[in-house]
Amino acid sequence: MRIEFPHSTRAGFPWKQALLRIGSDPDNDLILAGGQSAPHHLRIRIDARGWVLDVLPDATRVYVNARPVRERAILRSGDMLSVGDCRMLLCADEAPEGRASPDMPEQERCTVALRAVAGPLSGQVLPLCDRLELGPYGRLPLDLPQGENAALVIFWRDGQLRLETEQLLDSRYSVRVNGVATQQTVLLPGDQIGIGMHRFLIDAPGLEPEPEIVMPEPPHELLPEDAAGPRGEVWWLIATAAVLALGIALLLLIHF
């Protein structure tokens, strides 16, 4: 994970460990100004679900993509984390350019959609079909601060889902995939496209690898000796029964 500070002169912060502590106290891993955060404000940890944000006690509210988080939230690459006046962009370690994607049959492309998870279009699910364009001349506009404009085009080429962007060279709000600025790339399931306050997720179940099917082993046929216990235990029972039978026979013989 790498944390960038948009519109700030502060250098990016790389992090490779399983736990990241953020706050104003010097014993934190990432230290913020005292006026922006509590001494121990939050932590980001890795578990089976991915990155998990925990808001610590006595901390002021934390925002993820402009939405308040009171206790806990699941994070992904491309999310914008806000603590006071500090903005932190969570970025993937690897750039999206040069990635490969499996080909998707044309009859399955109807399952792919763009889901808006933050910004003015939040809650909308946009089917991609063959081509989807957002921006000044597209299906939906992309409202950006200071009157800036940008266009996103998502389309199929050679069986792969691709993204191309068009915006001013000096734009302050670059298009990012998983937090990394890009102009064109292959898209994969779960990718997050962000520009300004907008966040979109790629829902493409047909591009995800098929789960590995593991056949269960055939049930073991239970034999009578297995039910009786280990083989050593069976012979011990037989020997005990023989000794008892011999003892009873001797008692009867002496009695008569």
Protein backbone atom coordinates (compact mmCIF):
# COMPACT_ATOMS: atom_id res chain seq x y z
CA MET A 1 0.00 0.00 0.00
CA ARG A 2 1.10 3.55 -0.66
CA ILE A 3 -0.54 6.69 0.74
CA GLU A 4 -0.47 9.94 -1.25
CA PHE A 5 -1.53 13.38 -0.03
CA PRO A 6 -3.38 15.10 -2.93
CA HIS A 7 -2.81 18.83 -3.42
CA SER A 8 -0.11 18.77 -0.75
CA THR A 9 3.67 19.02 -0.80
CA ARG A 10 3.98 16.10 1.60
CA ALA A 11 5.77 13.09 0.10
CA GLY A 12 4.00 9.79 -0.37
CA PHE A 13 4.11 7.23 2.43
CA PRO A 14 4.84 3.56 1.53
CA TRP A 15 3.71 0.84 3.91
CA LYS A 16 4.33 -2.92 3.76
CA GLN A 17 3.36 -4.13 7.23
CA ALA A 18 0.10 -5.74 8.40
CA LEU A 19 -0.79 -2.84 10.74
CA LEU A 20 -0.65 0.93 10.20
CA ARG A 21 -1.24 3.31 13.12
CA ILE A 22 -2.19 6.91 12.34
CA GLY A 23 -2.41 9.85 14.75
CA SER A 24 -0.58 12.88 16.12
CA ASP A 25 1.42 11.05 18.80
CA PRO A 26 5.07 10.34 17.87
CA ASP A 27 4.66 6.59 18.45
CA ASN A 28 2.37 6.28 15.40
CA ASP A 29 3.60 4.92 12.07
CA LEU A 30 2.08 7.85 10.15
CA ILE A 31 2.09 11.09 12.15
CA LEU A 32 -0.45 13.84 11.46
CA ALA A 33 -0.59 17.36 12.83
CA GLY A 34 -2.06 17.71 16.32
CA GLY A 35 -4.81 20.01 15.09
CA GLN A 36 -5.93 17.41 12.55
CA SER A 37 -6.12 14.22 14.57
CA ALA A 38 -6.23 12.66 18.02
CA PRO A 39 -3.00 11.25 19.51
CA HIS A 40 -4.11 7.77 18.38
CA HIS A 41 -6.77 8.34 15.76
CA LEU A 42 -7.14 5.21 13.65
CA ARG A 43 -5.44 2.07 12.44
CA ILE A 44 -5.50 0.13 9.20
CA ARG A 45 -4.94 -3.61 9.42
CA ILE A 46 -4.97 -6.49 6.96
CA ASP A 47 -7.16 -9.54 7.44
CA ALA A 48 -8.98 -12.05 5.22
CA ARG A 49 -11.31 -9.30 3.97
CA GLY A 50 -8.49 -6.96 2.90
CA TRP A 51 -7.73 -3.56 4.46
CA VAL A 52 -9.86 -2.81 7.51
CA LEU A 53 -10.10 0.67 9.04
CA ASP A 54 -10.70 0.91 12.79
CA VAL A 55 -11.55 4.29 14.34
CA LEU A 56 -10.01 4.39 17.81
CA PRO A 57 -11.75 5.71 20.96
CA ASP A 58 -11.77 9.50 21.55
CA ALA A 59 -11.05 10.14 17.85
CA THR A 60 -13.12 12.57 15.81
CA ARG A 61 -15.06 11.28 12.85
CA VAL A 62 -13.18 9.79 9.92
CA TYR A 63 -14.44 10.01 6.33
CA VAL A 64 -13.93 7.49 3.52
CA ASN A 65 -14.86 8.90 0.10
CA ALA A 66 -16.70 11.74 1.91
CA ARG A 67 -18.83 9.30 3.93
CA PRO A 68 -18.51 9.27 7.74
CA VAL A 69 -17.13 6.19 9.47
CA ARG A 70 -17.84 5.85 13.17
CA GLU A 71 -16.19 2.54 14.02
CA ARG A 72 -15.03 0.33 11.15
CA ALA A 73 -14.91 0.18 7.35
CA ILE A 74 -13.50 -2.03 4.60
CA LEU A 75 -11.02 -0.12 2.42
CA ARG A 76 -9.82 -0.68 -1.13
CA SER A 77 -7.20 0.86 -3.38
CA GLY A 78 -8.39 4.23 -4.64
CA ASP A 79 -10.32 5.23 -1.51
CA MET A 80 -9.87 8.75 -0.15
CA LEU A 81 -9.41 8.87 3.61
CA SER A 82 -10.08 12.19 5.39
CA VAL A 83 -8.98 13.07 8.92
CA GLY A 84 -9.59 16.71 9.77
CA ASP A 85 -8.12 18.72 6.89
CA CYS A 86 -5.77 15.92 5.86
CA ARG A 87 -6.64 13.92 2.73
CA MET A 88 -4.98 10.56 2.20
CA LEU A 89 -5.36 8.58 -1.03
CA LEU A 90 -4.81 4.82 -0.74
CA CYS A 91 -2.89 3.61 -3.78
CA ALA A 92 -2.03 0.18 -5.11
CA ASP A 93 1.64 -0.73 -5.15
CA GLU A 94 1.63 -1.57 -8.85
CA ALA A 95 0.58 0.63 -11.76
CA PRO A 96 -2.34 -0.74 -13.82
CA GLU A 97 -0.53 -0.36 -17.15
CA GLY A 98 0.76 -3.54 -18.70
CA ARG A 99 -1.68 -5.85 -16.93
CA ALA A 100 -3.21 -8.79 -18.72
CA SER A 101 -6.85 -9.79 -18.64
CA PRO A 102 -8.54 -13.02 -19.73
CA ASP A 103 -10.70 -12.79 -22.82
CA MET A 104 -14.40 -12.69 -22.14
CA PRO A 105 -16.87 -14.26 -24.60
CA GLU A 106 -19.19 -11.74 -26.20
CA GLN A 107 -22.33 -13.46 -24.90
CA GLU A 108 -21.18 -12.92 -21.29
CA ARG A 109 -20.42 -9.20 -21.55
CA CYS A 110 -23.95 -8.27 -20.53
CA THR A 111 -23.01 -9.15 -16.93
CA VAL A 112 -20.40 -6.36 -16.72
CA ALA A 113 -21.41 -3.07 -15.11
CA LEU A 114 -19.96 0.11 -13.65
CA ARG A 115 -21.18 0.72 -10.10
CA ALA A 116 -20.95 4.23 -8.65
CA VAL A 117 -20.00 3.99 -4.96
CA ALA A 118 -19.23 7.66 -4.19
CA GLY A 119 -19.95 11.08 -5.64
CA PRO A 120 -23.03 12.61 -7.29
CA LEU A 121 -23.80 9.38 -9.17
CA SER A 122 -23.53 7.16 -6.10
CA GLY A 123 -25.94 4.24 -6.10
CA GLN A 124 -26.31 4.00 -9.88
CA VAL A 125 -25.35 0.84 -11.74
CA LEU A 126 -24.45 1.46 -15.39
CA PRO A 127 -24.37 -1.55 -17.75
CA LEU A 128 -21.41 -1.46 -20.10
CA CYS A 129 -22.61 -3.53 -23.06
CA ASP A 130 -20.20 -2.65 -25.89
CA ARG A 131 -19.20 0.89 -24.84
CA LEU A 132 -19.86 3.37 -22.05
CA GLU A 133 -18.79 7.00 -22.10
CA LEU A 134 -19.01 9.44 -19.20
CA GLY A 135 -18.29 13.12 -19.54
CA PRO A 136 -19.35 16.16 -21.60
CA TYR A 137 -20.62 14.09 -24.55
CA GLY A 138 -21.27 10.83 -22.78
CA ARG A 139 -24.20 9.15 -21.14
CA LEU A 140 -23.76 11.05 -17.85
CA PRO A 141 -21.70 14.15 -17.02
CA LEU A 142 -18.79 14.13 -14.59
CA ASP A 143 -19.12 17.16 -12.36
CA LEU A 144 -15.68 18.30 -11.23
CA PRO A 145 -14.62 21.26 -9.07
CA GLN A 146 -13.55 24.53 -10.68
CA GLY A 147 -15.46 23.73 -13.86
CA GLU A 148 -13.00 21.12 -15.11
CA ASN A 149 -14.05 18.52 -17.64
CA ALA A 150 -12.98 14.96 -18.24
CA ALA A 151 -14.22 12.05 -20.33
CA LEU A 152 -14.03 8.35 -19.51
CA VAL A 153 -14.57 5.73 -22.18
CA ILE A 154 -14.88 2.05 -21.21
CA PHE A 155 -15.11 -0.38 -24.09
CA TRP A 156 -14.23 -3.85 -25.36
CA ARG A 157 -11.22 -4.49 -27.56
CA ASP A 158 -9.95 -7.94 -28.53
CA GLY A 159 -12.06 -9.52 -25.79
CA GLN A 160 -10.62 -7.29 -23.06
CA LEU A 161 -12.27 -4.50 -21.10
CA ARG A 162 -10.33 -1.25 -21.51
CA LEU A 163 -10.37 2.30 -20.21
CA GLU A 164 -9.30 5.44 -22.05
CA THR A 165 -9.47 8.97 -20.67
CA GLU A 166 -9.47 12.46 -22.08
CA GLN A 167 -8.81 15.56 -19.99
CA LEU A 168 -6.72 18.72 -19.85
CA LEU A 169 -3.00 18.18 -19.36
CA ASP A 170 -2.89 20.58 -16.40
CA SER A 171 -5.99 19.12 -14.73
CA ARG A 172 -5.83 18.89 -10.94
CA TYR A 173 -8.17 15.89 -10.95
CA SER A 174 -6.52 13.08 -12.85
CA VAL A 175 -8.26 9.80 -13.58
CA ARG A 176 -6.97 7.05 -11.30
CA VAL A 177 -7.37 3.28 -11.28
CA ASN A 178 -6.86 1.86 -7.78
CA GLY A 179 -5.36 5.19 -6.79
CA VAL A 180 -2.75 5.30 -9.59
CA ALA A 181 -3.05 8.00 -12.27
CA THR A 182 -3.51 6.56 -15.76
CA GLN A 183 -4.78 7.49 -19.21
CA GLN A 184 -5.46 4.03 -20.60
CA THR A 185 -5.34 0.52 -19.21
CA VAL A 186 -6.98 -2.89 -19.10
CA LEU A 187 -9.67 -3.16 -16.41
CA LEU A 188 -10.10 -6.09 -14.07
CA PRO A 189 -12.96 -7.08 -11.73
CA GLY A 190 -12.93 -5.01 -8.53
CA ASP A 191 -10.90 -2.13 -10.01
CA GLN A 192 -11.86 1.27 -8.63
CA ILE A 193 -11.89 4.20 -11.04
CA GLY A 194 -11.68 7.59 -9.36
CA ILE A 195 -11.72 11.18 -10.50
CA GLY A 196 -12.46 14.08 -8.19
CA MET A 197 -15.22 12.98 -5.82
CA HIS A 198 -16.40 10.20 -8.19
CA ARG A 199 -15.69 6.53 -7.45
CA PHE A 200 -16.73 3.64 -9.70
CA LEU A 201 -16.22 -0.10 -9.25
CA ILE A 202 -15.95 -2.63 -12.05
CA ASP A 203 -18.43 -5.47 -11.52
CA ALA A 204 -17.42 -8.22 -13.95
CA PRO A 205 -18.18 -11.68 -12.58
CA GLY A 206 -17.54 -13.25 -15.97
CA LEU A 207 -13.91 -12.09 -15.87
CA GLU A 208 -13.22 -13.58 -12.46
CA PRO A 209 -11.46 -16.97 -12.41
CA GLU A 210 -13.71 -19.92 -11.89
CA PRO A 211 -13.52 -21.30 -8.36
CA GLU A 212 -11.57 -24.51 -8.10
CA ILE A 213 -13.90 -27.44 -7.57
CA VAL A 214 -12.53 -29.96 -5.11
CA MET A 215 -14.34 -33.29 -5.19
CA PRO A 216 -14.95 -34.75 -1.73
CA GLU A 217 -13.28 -38.03 -0.96
CA PRO A 218 -15.61 -41.08 -1.08
CA PRO A 219 -16.91 -42.04 2.36
CA HIS A 220 -14.87 -44.74 4.06
CA GLU A 221 -16.77 -48.00 4.39
CA LEU A 222 -16.91 -48.90 8.06
CA LEU A 223 -15.94 -52.51 8.67
CA PRO A 224 -17.04 -54.47 11.79
CA GLU A 225 -13.50 -54.56 13.12
CA ASP A 226 -13.24 -50.79 12.65
CA ALA A 227 -16.33 -50.31 14.81
CA ALA A 228 -14.85 -52.58 17.46
CA GLY A 229 -11.72 -50.44 17.75
CA PRO A 230 -8.07 -50.80 16.74
CA ARG A 231 -6.86 -54.23 15.77
CA GLY A 232 -4.68 -54.47 18.87
CA GLU A 233 -7.70 -53.77 21.03
CA VAL A 234 -9.69 -56.54 19.25
CA TRP A 235 -6.99 -59.19 19.91
CA TRP A 236 -6.77 -58.10 23.55
CA LEU A 237 -10.52 -58.63 23.94
CA ILE A 238 -10.25 -62.06 22.34
CA ALA A 239 -7.39 -63.06 24.63
CA THR A 240 -9.26 -61.80 27.71
CA ALA A 241 -12.35 -63.79 26.74
CA ALA A 242 -10.23 -66.94 26.26
CA VAL A 243 -8.60 -66.55 29.70
CA LEU A 244 -11.99 -66.04 31.34
CA ALA A 245 -13.39 -69.12 29.60
CA LEU A 246 -10.38 -71.19 30.73
CA GLY A 247 -10.75 -69.96 34.31
CA ILE A 248 -14.44 -70.86 34.40
CA ALA A 249 -13.69 -74.33 32.99
CA LEU A 250 -11.05 -74.95 35.69
CA LEU A 251 -13.43 -73.86 38.46
CA LEU A 252 -16.10 -76.22 37.18
CA LEU A 253 -13.58 -79.07 36.93
CA ILE A 254 -12.35 -78.59 40.51
CA HIS A 255 -15.93 -78.32 41.83
CA PHE A 256 -16.89 -81.62 40.37
